């Protein structure tokens, strides 16, 4: 049993349910793209799990209990808890939310898509043309609907 599995098996049930419930309402799973001429596909794929709040104490608890991520504060006082490290997403965040599940259909869907994208990146499939395209196609379904803001979509990246 590795340290991540041991950590998750010993995680307090009530606290795990609290974190999952809070994340169900306030958390977000995102995949952004950044133009990078020095990258193989000219694009950096940037998956992230984040929650933003004005209450730093709750987010500091998340960071402490989940054992990864960073806290940063905007000028307007909003605090961000964010996990971008691919290994921590794959070995901490995803297993945590597989154990402590979401109730809302929307969050379940987004988490499932995000899980698939992170697995592809973790397995280095994003470095191959087919894997890169698969990630872009999955990303198009992530956080679908009103309010979604994207600087780039699949049509901007893959020219037919």
N, C-alpha and C. Protein backbone atom coordinates (compact mmCIF):
# COMPACT_ATOMS: atom_id res chain seq x y z
N UNK A 1 0.85 -1.18 0.00
CA UNK A 1 0.00 0.00 0.00
C UNK A 1 0.90 1.25 0.00
N UNK A 2 0.66 2.17 -0.97
CA UNK A 2 1.47 3.38 -1.02
C UNK A 2 0.95 4.44 -0.05
N UNK A 3 1.71 5.50 0.11
CA UNK A 3 1.35 6.56 1.06
C UNK A 3 0.01 7.22 0.73
N UNK A 4 -0.27 7.38 -0.57
CA UNK A 4 -1.53 8.02 -0.98
C UNK A 4 -2.73 7.15 -0.63
N UNK A 5 -2.60 5.85 -0.84
CA UNK A 5 -3.68 4.92 -0.52
C UNK A 5 -3.89 4.87 0.99
N UNK A 6 -2.80 4.80 1.73
CA UNK A 6 -2.87 4.77 3.20
C UNK A 6 -3.55 6.04 3.73
N UNK A 7 -3.15 7.18 3.18
CA UNK A 7 -3.73 8.47 3.57
C UNK A 7 -5.25 8.46 3.34
N UNK A 8 -5.66 8.00 2.17
CA UNK A 8 -7.08 8.01 1.83
C UNK A 8 -7.87 7.02 2.69
N UNK A 9 -7.31 5.85 2.95
CA UNK A 9 -7.98 4.85 3.78
C UNK A 9 -8.19 5.35 5.22
N UNK A 10 -7.30 6.23 5.67
CA UNK A 10 -7.39 6.75 7.04
C UNK A 10 -8.11 8.10 7.12
N UNK A 11 -8.62 8.58 6.01
CA UNK A 11 -9.26 9.90 5.99
C UNK A 11 -10.57 9.87 6.77
N UNK A 12 -10.79 10.85 7.61
CA UNK A 12 -12.01 10.95 8.41
C UNK A 12 -13.24 11.06 7.50
N UNK A 13 -14.20 10.16 7.70
CA UNK A 13 -15.40 10.10 6.85
C UNK A 13 -16.19 11.41 6.85
N UNK A 14 -16.41 11.98 8.02
CA UNK A 14 -17.19 13.23 8.10
C UNK A 14 -16.49 14.38 7.40
N UNK A 15 -15.19 14.50 7.61
CA UNK A 15 -14.42 15.56 6.97
C UNK A 15 -14.39 15.34 5.45
N UNK A 16 -14.22 14.11 5.02
CA UNK A 16 -14.24 13.79 3.59
C UNK A 16 -15.56 14.16 2.94
N UNK A 17 -16.65 13.85 3.63
CA UNK A 17 -17.98 14.20 3.10
C UNK A 17 -18.17 15.72 3.06
N UNK A 18 -17.64 16.41 4.07
CA UNK A 18 -17.73 17.88 4.10
C UNK A 18 -16.98 18.48 2.91
N UNK A 19 -15.74 18.03 2.70
CA UNK A 19 -14.93 18.55 1.60
C UNK A 19 -15.60 18.27 0.26
N UNK A 20 -16.12 17.05 0.09
CA UNK A 20 -16.79 16.70 -1.17
C UNK A 20 -18.05 17.54 -1.37
N UNK A 21 -18.83 17.74 -0.32
CA UNK A 21 -20.04 18.54 -0.43
C UNK A 21 -19.73 20.00 -0.75
N UNK A 22 -18.73 20.53 -0.08
CA UNK A 22 -18.31 21.91 -0.33
C UNK A 22 -17.83 22.06 -1.77
N UNK A 23 -17.04 21.10 -2.21
CA UNK A 23 -16.53 21.12 -3.59
C UNK A 23 -17.65 20.94 -4.59
N UNK A 24 -18.64 20.14 -4.26
CA UNK A 24 -19.78 19.92 -5.15
C UNK A 24 -20.44 21.27 -5.50
N UNK A 25 -20.52 22.14 -4.52
CA UNK A 25 -21.15 23.44 -4.74
C UNK A 25 -20.20 24.52 -5.22
N UNK A 26 -18.97 24.51 -4.75
CA UNK A 26 -18.06 25.63 -4.99
C UNK A 26 -16.82 25.30 -5.81
N UNK A 27 -16.51 24.02 -6.00
CA UNK A 27 -15.26 23.64 -6.67
C UNK A 27 -15.39 23.60 -8.17
N UNK A 28 -14.24 23.53 -8.82
CA UNK A 28 -14.23 23.52 -10.28
C UNK A 28 -13.06 22.67 -10.80
N UNK A 29 -13.33 21.92 -11.84
CA UNK A 29 -12.32 21.15 -12.54
C UNK A 29 -12.17 21.78 -13.92
N UNK A 30 -10.97 22.23 -14.24
CA UNK A 30 -10.76 22.97 -15.47
C UNK A 30 -9.56 22.44 -16.23
N UNK A 31 -9.57 22.70 -17.53
CA UNK A 31 -8.41 22.41 -18.37
C UNK A 31 -8.25 23.62 -19.29
N UNK A 32 -7.18 24.37 -19.06
CA UNK A 32 -6.92 25.53 -19.90
C UNK A 32 -5.78 25.22 -20.86
N UNK A 33 -5.68 26.03 -21.88
CA UNK A 33 -4.63 25.88 -22.88
C UNK A 33 -3.86 27.18 -22.99
N UNK A 34 -2.56 27.03 -23.10
CA UNK A 34 -1.70 28.20 -23.26
C UNK A 34 -0.82 27.99 -24.48
N UNK A 35 -0.78 29.01 -25.34
CA UNK A 35 0.05 28.95 -26.54
C UNK A 35 1.51 28.96 -26.14
N UNK A 36 2.25 27.95 -26.61
CA UNK A 36 3.68 27.83 -26.29
C UNK A 36 4.42 27.36 -27.52
N UNK A 37 5.17 28.21 -28.13
CA UNK A 37 5.92 27.86 -29.34
C UNK A 37 6.99 26.80 -29.06
N UNK A 38 7.44 26.71 -27.79
CA UNK A 38 8.51 25.77 -27.44
C UNK A 38 7.99 24.39 -27.06
N UNK A 39 6.66 24.15 -27.17
CA UNK A 39 6.08 22.85 -26.86
C UNK A 39 5.84 22.07 -28.15
N UNK A 40 5.82 20.75 -28.03
CA UNK A 40 5.68 19.86 -29.19
C UNK A 40 4.44 20.21 -30.02
N UNK A 41 3.31 20.39 -29.37
CA UNK A 41 2.07 20.70 -30.08
C UNK A 41 1.76 22.20 -30.10
N UNK A 42 2.72 23.02 -29.71
CA UNK A 42 2.56 24.48 -29.61
C UNK A 42 1.59 24.91 -28.50
N UNK A 43 1.12 23.94 -27.68
CA UNK A 43 0.16 24.25 -26.64
C UNK A 43 0.52 23.54 -25.34
N UNK A 44 0.36 24.26 -24.25
CA UNK A 44 0.50 23.64 -22.93
C UNK A 44 -0.91 23.36 -22.42
N UNK A 45 -1.15 22.12 -22.03
CA UNK A 45 -2.43 21.72 -21.45
C UNK A 45 -2.28 21.84 -19.94
N UNK A 46 -3.19 22.57 -19.34
CA UNK A 46 -3.05 22.94 -17.93
C UNK A 46 -4.31 22.53 -17.14
N UNK A 47 -4.36 21.27 -16.64
CA UNK A 47 -5.51 20.87 -15.83
C UNK A 47 -5.39 21.43 -14.41
N UNK A 48 -6.53 21.77 -13.83
CA UNK A 48 -6.51 22.29 -12.46
C UNK A 48 -7.82 21.98 -11.73
N UNK A 49 -7.68 21.79 -10.45
CA UNK A 49 -8.81 21.70 -9.53
C UNK A 49 -8.71 22.93 -8.65
N UNK A 50 -9.81 23.68 -8.52
CA UNK A 50 -9.74 24.87 -7.68
C UNK A 50 -11.07 25.21 -7.02
N UNK A 51 -10.93 25.96 -5.95
CA UNK A 51 -12.06 26.50 -5.21
C UNK A 51 -11.68 27.92 -4.84
N UNK A 52 -12.59 28.86 -5.01
CA UNK A 52 -12.32 30.22 -4.58
C UNK A 52 -13.38 30.67 -3.58
N UNK A 53 -12.90 31.36 -2.56
CA UNK A 53 -13.75 31.82 -1.45
C UNK A 53 -13.11 33.04 -0.82
N UNK A 54 -13.87 33.76 -0.03
CA UNK A 54 -13.26 34.83 0.77
C UNK A 54 -12.77 34.29 2.11
N UNK A 55 -13.19 33.08 2.46
CA UNK A 55 -12.80 32.48 3.73
C UNK A 55 -11.53 31.65 3.57
N UNK A 56 -10.40 32.24 3.92
CA UNK A 56 -9.10 31.57 3.80
C UNK A 56 -9.02 30.34 4.71
N UNK A 57 -9.69 30.37 5.86
CA UNK A 57 -9.58 29.28 6.84
C UNK A 57 -10.06 27.95 6.24
N UNK A 58 -11.19 27.97 5.56
CA UNK A 58 -11.73 26.74 4.96
C UNK A 58 -10.78 26.22 3.88
N UNK A 59 -10.26 27.11 3.07
CA UNK A 59 -9.37 26.68 1.99
C UNK A 59 -8.02 26.19 2.53
N UNK A 60 -7.56 26.79 3.62
CA UNK A 60 -6.33 26.32 4.27
C UNK A 60 -6.55 24.91 4.82
N UNK A 61 -7.75 24.63 5.32
CA UNK A 61 -8.11 23.29 5.79
C UNK A 61 -8.04 22.29 4.63
N UNK A 62 -8.58 22.68 3.48
CA UNK A 62 -8.53 21.81 2.30
C UNK A 62 -7.08 21.49 1.95
N UNK A 63 -6.24 22.51 1.89
CA UNK A 63 -4.83 22.33 1.54
C UNK A 63 -4.15 21.38 2.52
N UNK A 64 -4.40 21.60 3.80
CA UNK A 64 -3.79 20.78 4.84
C UNK A 64 -4.27 19.33 4.74
N UNK A 65 -5.57 19.13 4.66
CA UNK A 65 -6.13 17.78 4.68
C UNK A 65 -5.90 17.01 3.38
N UNK A 66 -5.93 17.70 2.25
CA UNK A 66 -5.70 17.02 0.98
C UNK A 66 -4.20 16.85 0.70
N UNK A 67 -3.39 17.58 1.44
CA UNK A 67 -1.94 17.39 1.37
C UNK A 67 -1.28 17.85 0.09
N UNK A 68 -1.91 18.79 -0.60
CA UNK A 68 -1.33 19.31 -1.84
C UNK A 68 -2.01 20.62 -2.21
N UNK A 69 -1.46 21.27 -3.21
CA UNK A 69 -2.06 22.50 -3.71
C UNK A 69 -1.46 23.75 -3.12
N UNK A 70 -1.95 24.87 -3.62
CA UNK A 70 -1.47 26.18 -3.17
C UNK A 70 -2.66 27.09 -2.86
N UNK A 71 -2.39 28.07 -2.02
CA UNK A 71 -3.36 29.14 -1.73
C UNK A 71 -2.79 30.43 -2.27
N UNK A 72 -3.63 31.23 -2.92
CA UNK A 72 -3.21 32.57 -3.32
C UNK A 72 -4.40 33.51 -3.21
N UNK A 73 -4.09 34.77 -3.01
CA UNK A 73 -5.15 35.75 -2.77
C UNK A 73 -5.13 36.82 -3.84
N UNK A 74 -6.33 37.14 -4.35
CA UNK A 74 -6.46 38.23 -5.32
C UNK A 74 -6.54 39.56 -4.59
N UNK A 75 -6.42 40.63 -5.32
CA UNK A 75 -6.49 41.98 -4.72
C UNK A 75 -7.84 42.27 -4.07
N UNK A 76 -8.89 41.62 -4.57
CA UNK A 76 -10.24 41.86 -4.02
C UNK A 76 -10.54 41.00 -2.79
N UNK A 77 -9.54 40.25 -2.31
CA UNK A 77 -9.73 39.46 -1.10
C UNK A 77 -10.19 38.03 -1.32
N UNK A 78 -10.46 37.65 -2.57
CA UNK A 78 -10.85 36.28 -2.86
C UNK A 78 -9.61 35.40 -2.83
N UNK A 79 -9.74 34.26 -2.12
CA UNK A 79 -8.63 33.32 -1.97
C UNK A 79 -8.89 32.11 -2.87
N UNK A 80 -7.84 31.65 -3.54
CA UNK A 80 -7.91 30.48 -4.40
C UNK A 80 -7.14 29.33 -3.78
N UNK A 81 -7.78 28.17 -3.72
CA UNK A 81 -7.08 26.92 -3.45
C UNK A 81 -7.00 26.23 -4.79
N UNK A 82 -5.80 25.85 -5.20
CA UNK A 82 -5.63 25.28 -6.53
C UNK A 82 -4.62 24.14 -6.50
N UNK A 83 -4.94 23.07 -7.25
CA UNK A 83 -4.02 21.95 -7.44
C UNK A 83 -3.81 21.82 -8.94
N UNK A 84 -2.54 21.97 -9.38
CA UNK A 84 -2.21 21.87 -10.80
C UNK A 84 -1.18 20.77 -11.07
N UNK A 85 -0.53 20.29 -10.04
CA UNK A 85 0.49 19.25 -10.20
C UNK A 85 -0.18 17.96 -10.68
N UNK A 86 0.24 17.47 -11.85
CA UNK A 86 -0.43 16.33 -12.47
C UNK A 86 -0.37 15.08 -11.58
N UNK A 87 0.74 14.88 -10.90
CA UNK A 87 0.86 13.72 -10.01
C UNK A 87 -0.12 13.82 -8.84
N UNK A 88 -0.25 15.00 -8.26
CA UNK A 88 -1.18 15.18 -7.14
C UNK A 88 -2.63 15.09 -7.60
N UNK A 89 -2.91 15.57 -8.80
CA UNK A 89 -4.26 15.42 -9.33
C UNK A 89 -4.58 13.93 -9.50
N UNK A 90 -3.63 13.18 -10.06
CA UNK A 90 -3.84 11.75 -10.35
C UNK A 90 -3.85 10.89 -9.08
N UNK A 91 -3.00 11.21 -8.12
CA UNK A 91 -2.82 10.32 -6.96
C UNK A 91 -3.49 10.78 -5.68
N UNK A 92 -3.93 12.03 -5.63
CA UNK A 92 -4.59 12.54 -4.42
C UNK A 92 -6.02 13.00 -4.71
N UNK A 93 -6.15 13.99 -5.59
CA UNK A 93 -7.46 14.63 -5.81
C UNK A 93 -8.46 13.66 -6.43
N UNK A 94 -8.09 13.00 -7.50
CA UNK A 94 -9.03 12.09 -8.17
C UNK A 94 -9.42 10.91 -7.28
N UNK A 95 -8.48 10.22 -6.65
CA UNK A 95 -8.91 9.14 -5.74
C UNK A 95 -9.78 9.64 -4.58
N UNK A 96 -9.47 10.84 -4.08
CA UNK A 96 -10.27 11.40 -2.99
C UNK A 96 -11.73 11.54 -3.42
N UNK A 97 -11.96 12.15 -4.58
CA UNK A 97 -13.34 12.37 -5.03
C UNK A 97 -13.98 11.12 -5.63
N UNK A 98 -13.22 10.10 -5.88
CA UNK A 98 -13.82 8.80 -6.23
C UNK A 98 -14.35 8.13 -4.97
N UNK A 99 -13.68 8.38 -3.85
CA UNK A 99 -14.13 7.81 -2.57
C UNK A 99 -15.26 8.65 -1.97
N UNK A 100 -15.06 9.96 -1.93
CA UNK A 100 -16.07 10.88 -1.38
C UNK A 100 -16.75 11.54 -2.57
N UNK A 101 -17.86 10.97 -2.96
CA UNK A 101 -18.50 11.30 -4.24
C UNK A 101 -19.35 12.57 -4.20
N UNK A 102 -19.56 13.10 -5.40
CA UNK A 102 -20.44 14.26 -5.57
C UNK A 102 -21.87 13.79 -5.71
N UNK A 103 -22.80 14.65 -5.37
CA UNK A 103 -24.22 14.33 -5.52
C UNK A 103 -24.82 14.95 -6.78
N UNK A 104 -24.34 16.13 -7.19
CA UNK A 104 -24.93 16.79 -8.36
C UNK A 104 -24.48 16.11 -9.65
N UNK A 105 -25.41 15.96 -10.55
CA UNK A 105 -25.13 15.32 -11.84
C UNK A 105 -24.08 16.10 -12.62
N UNK A 106 -24.16 17.41 -12.58
CA UNK A 106 -23.23 18.26 -13.31
C UNK A 106 -21.79 18.06 -12.83
N UNK A 107 -21.59 18.06 -11.52
CA UNK A 107 -20.24 17.89 -10.98
C UNK A 107 -19.73 16.48 -11.27
N UNK A 108 -20.60 15.47 -11.19
CA UNK A 108 -20.20 14.10 -11.51
C UNK A 108 -19.71 14.02 -12.96
N UNK A 109 -20.43 14.65 -13.87
CA UNK A 109 -20.06 14.64 -15.29
C UNK A 109 -18.72 15.32 -15.50
N UNK A 110 -18.56 16.51 -14.95
CA UNK A 110 -17.31 17.26 -15.12
C UNK A 110 -16.13 16.52 -14.50
N UNK A 111 -16.35 15.91 -13.34
CA UNK A 111 -15.28 15.16 -12.68
C UNK A 111 -14.87 13.96 -13.53
N UNK A 112 -15.82 13.28 -14.11
CA UNK A 112 -15.53 12.12 -14.96
C UNK A 112 -14.69 12.53 -16.18
N UNK A 113 -15.07 13.61 -16.83
CA UNK A 113 -14.32 14.11 -17.99
C UNK A 113 -12.92 14.53 -17.56
N UNK A 114 -12.83 15.26 -16.46
CA UNK A 114 -11.55 15.72 -15.94
C UNK A 114 -10.64 14.54 -15.61
N UNK A 115 -11.21 13.52 -14.99
CA UNK A 115 -10.46 12.31 -14.63
C UNK A 115 -9.85 11.66 -15.88
N UNK A 116 -10.61 11.59 -16.95
CA UNK A 116 -10.12 11.02 -18.20
C UNK A 116 -8.99 11.85 -18.79
N UNK A 117 -9.14 13.17 -18.75
CA UNK A 117 -8.11 14.06 -19.29
C UNK A 117 -6.82 13.93 -18.48
N UNK A 118 -6.93 13.96 -17.16
CA UNK A 118 -5.74 13.85 -16.32
C UNK A 118 -5.04 12.51 -16.55
N UNK A 119 -5.80 11.44 -16.69
CA UNK A 119 -5.19 10.11 -16.94
C UNK A 119 -4.41 10.13 -18.25
N UNK A 120 -4.95 10.74 -19.28
CA UNK A 120 -4.26 10.82 -20.57
C UNK A 120 -2.95 11.61 -20.44
N UNK A 121 -3.00 12.71 -19.71
CA UNK A 121 -1.79 13.52 -19.51
C UNK A 121 -0.79 12.75 -18.66
N UNK A 122 -1.26 12.13 -17.60
CA UNK A 122 -0.39 11.37 -16.71
C UNK A 122 0.35 10.26 -17.48
N UNK A 123 -0.35 9.66 -18.44
CA UNK A 123 0.23 8.60 -19.27
C UNK A 123 1.00 9.16 -20.47
N UNK A 124 1.16 10.49 -20.51
CA UNK A 124 1.93 11.18 -21.56
C UNK A 124 1.29 11.06 -22.96
N UNK A 125 0.01 10.78 -23.01
CA UNK A 125 -0.68 10.65 -24.30
C UNK A 125 -0.84 12.00 -24.99
N UNK A 126 -0.78 13.08 -24.23
CA UNK A 126 -0.92 14.42 -24.80
C UNK A 126 0.25 14.78 -25.72
N UNK A 127 1.32 14.01 -25.65
CA UNK A 127 2.49 14.26 -26.49
C UNK A 127 2.34 13.65 -27.89
N UNK A 128 1.30 12.84 -28.06
CA UNK A 128 1.01 12.22 -29.35
C UNK A 128 -0.20 12.93 -29.96
N UNK A 129 -0.21 13.03 -31.26
CA UNK A 129 -1.27 13.76 -31.96
C UNK A 129 -2.68 13.26 -31.60
N UNK A 130 -2.87 11.94 -31.61
CA UNK A 130 -4.19 11.38 -31.31
C UNK A 130 -4.61 11.65 -29.86
N UNK A 131 -3.67 11.51 -28.93
CA UNK A 131 -3.96 11.77 -27.53
C UNK A 131 -4.27 13.23 -27.27
N UNK A 132 -3.51 14.10 -27.92
CA UNK A 132 -3.74 15.54 -27.81
C UNK A 132 -5.14 15.90 -28.29
N UNK A 133 -5.50 15.36 -29.42
CA UNK A 133 -6.83 15.62 -29.99
C UNK A 133 -7.93 15.06 -29.07
N UNK A 134 -7.72 13.87 -28.52
CA UNK A 134 -8.70 13.27 -27.61
C UNK A 134 -8.92 14.18 -26.39
N UNK A 135 -7.85 14.73 -25.86
CA UNK A 135 -7.95 15.65 -24.72
C UNK A 135 -8.75 16.89 -25.12
N UNK A 136 -8.47 17.43 -26.30
CA UNK A 136 -9.21 18.62 -26.76
C UNK A 136 -10.70 18.32 -26.93
N UNK A 137 -11.01 17.13 -27.46
CA UNK A 137 -12.41 16.75 -27.63
C UNK A 137 -13.11 16.57 -26.29
N UNK A 138 -12.44 15.97 -25.33
CA UNK A 138 -13.01 15.83 -23.99
C UNK A 138 -13.20 17.21 -23.34
N UNK A 139 -12.21 18.08 -23.53
CA UNK A 139 -12.26 19.42 -22.94
C UNK A 139 -13.47 20.21 -23.44
N UNK A 140 -13.87 19.98 -24.69
CA UNK A 140 -15.03 20.68 -25.24
C UNK A 140 -16.31 20.36 -24.46
N UNK A 141 -16.36 19.19 -23.82
CA UNK A 141 -17.53 18.77 -23.05
C UNK A 141 -17.47 19.22 -21.59
N UNK A 142 -16.29 19.65 -21.14
CA UNK A 142 -16.07 20.02 -19.74
C UNK A 142 -16.71 21.37 -19.43
N UNK A 143 -17.45 21.44 -18.32
CA UNK A 143 -18.10 22.67 -17.87
C UNK A 143 -18.97 23.28 -18.96
N UNK A 144 -19.68 22.42 -19.65
CA UNK A 144 -20.50 22.84 -20.78
C UNK A 144 -21.68 23.70 -20.32
N UNK A 145 -22.00 24.71 -21.10
CA UNK A 145 -23.19 25.50 -20.82
C UNK A 145 -22.89 26.97 -20.60
N UNK A 146 -23.90 27.66 -20.14
CA UNK A 146 -23.82 29.11 -19.93
C UNK A 146 -22.75 29.44 -18.90
N UNK A 147 -22.06 30.53 -19.15
CA UNK A 147 -21.07 30.99 -18.20
C UNK A 147 -19.66 30.47 -18.43
N UNK A 148 -19.52 29.49 -19.31
CA UNK A 148 -18.19 28.93 -19.59
C UNK A 148 -17.42 29.94 -20.43
N UNK A 149 -16.22 30.26 -19.98
CA UNK A 149 -15.36 31.19 -20.71
C UNK A 149 -14.13 30.45 -21.17
N UNK A 150 -13.85 30.56 -22.44
CA UNK A 150 -12.66 29.92 -23.01
C UNK A 150 -11.96 30.90 -23.92
N UNK A 151 -10.67 31.01 -23.73
CA UNK A 151 -9.88 31.84 -24.64
C UNK A 151 -9.71 31.11 -25.97
N UNK A 152 -9.53 29.76 -25.88
CA UNK A 152 -9.34 28.95 -27.08
C UNK A 152 -10.28 27.75 -27.04
N UNK A 153 -10.83 27.42 -28.20
CA UNK A 153 -11.59 26.16 -28.30
C UNK A 153 -10.91 25.27 -29.32
N UNK A 154 -11.44 24.10 -29.51
CA UNK A 154 -10.80 23.11 -30.38
C UNK A 154 -10.57 23.63 -31.80
N UNK A 155 -11.48 24.44 -32.29
CA UNK A 155 -11.34 25.00 -33.64
C UNK A 155 -10.18 25.98 -33.77
N UNK A 156 -9.79 26.60 -32.67
CA UNK A 156 -8.64 27.52 -32.68
C UNK A 156 -7.32 26.76 -32.73
N UNK A 157 -7.35 25.53 -32.28
CA UNK A 157 -6.12 24.77 -32.09
C UNK A 157 -5.87 23.79 -33.22
N UNK A 158 -6.92 23.09 -33.63
CA UNK A 158 -6.79 22.11 -34.70
C UNK A 158 -7.45 22.69 -35.94
N UNK A 159 -6.62 23.02 -36.88
CA UNK A 159 -7.13 23.56 -38.16
C UNK A 159 -7.46 22.40 -39.07
N UNK A 160 -8.64 22.41 -39.58
CA UNK A 160 -9.12 21.31 -40.44
C UNK A 160 -8.39 21.29 -41.76
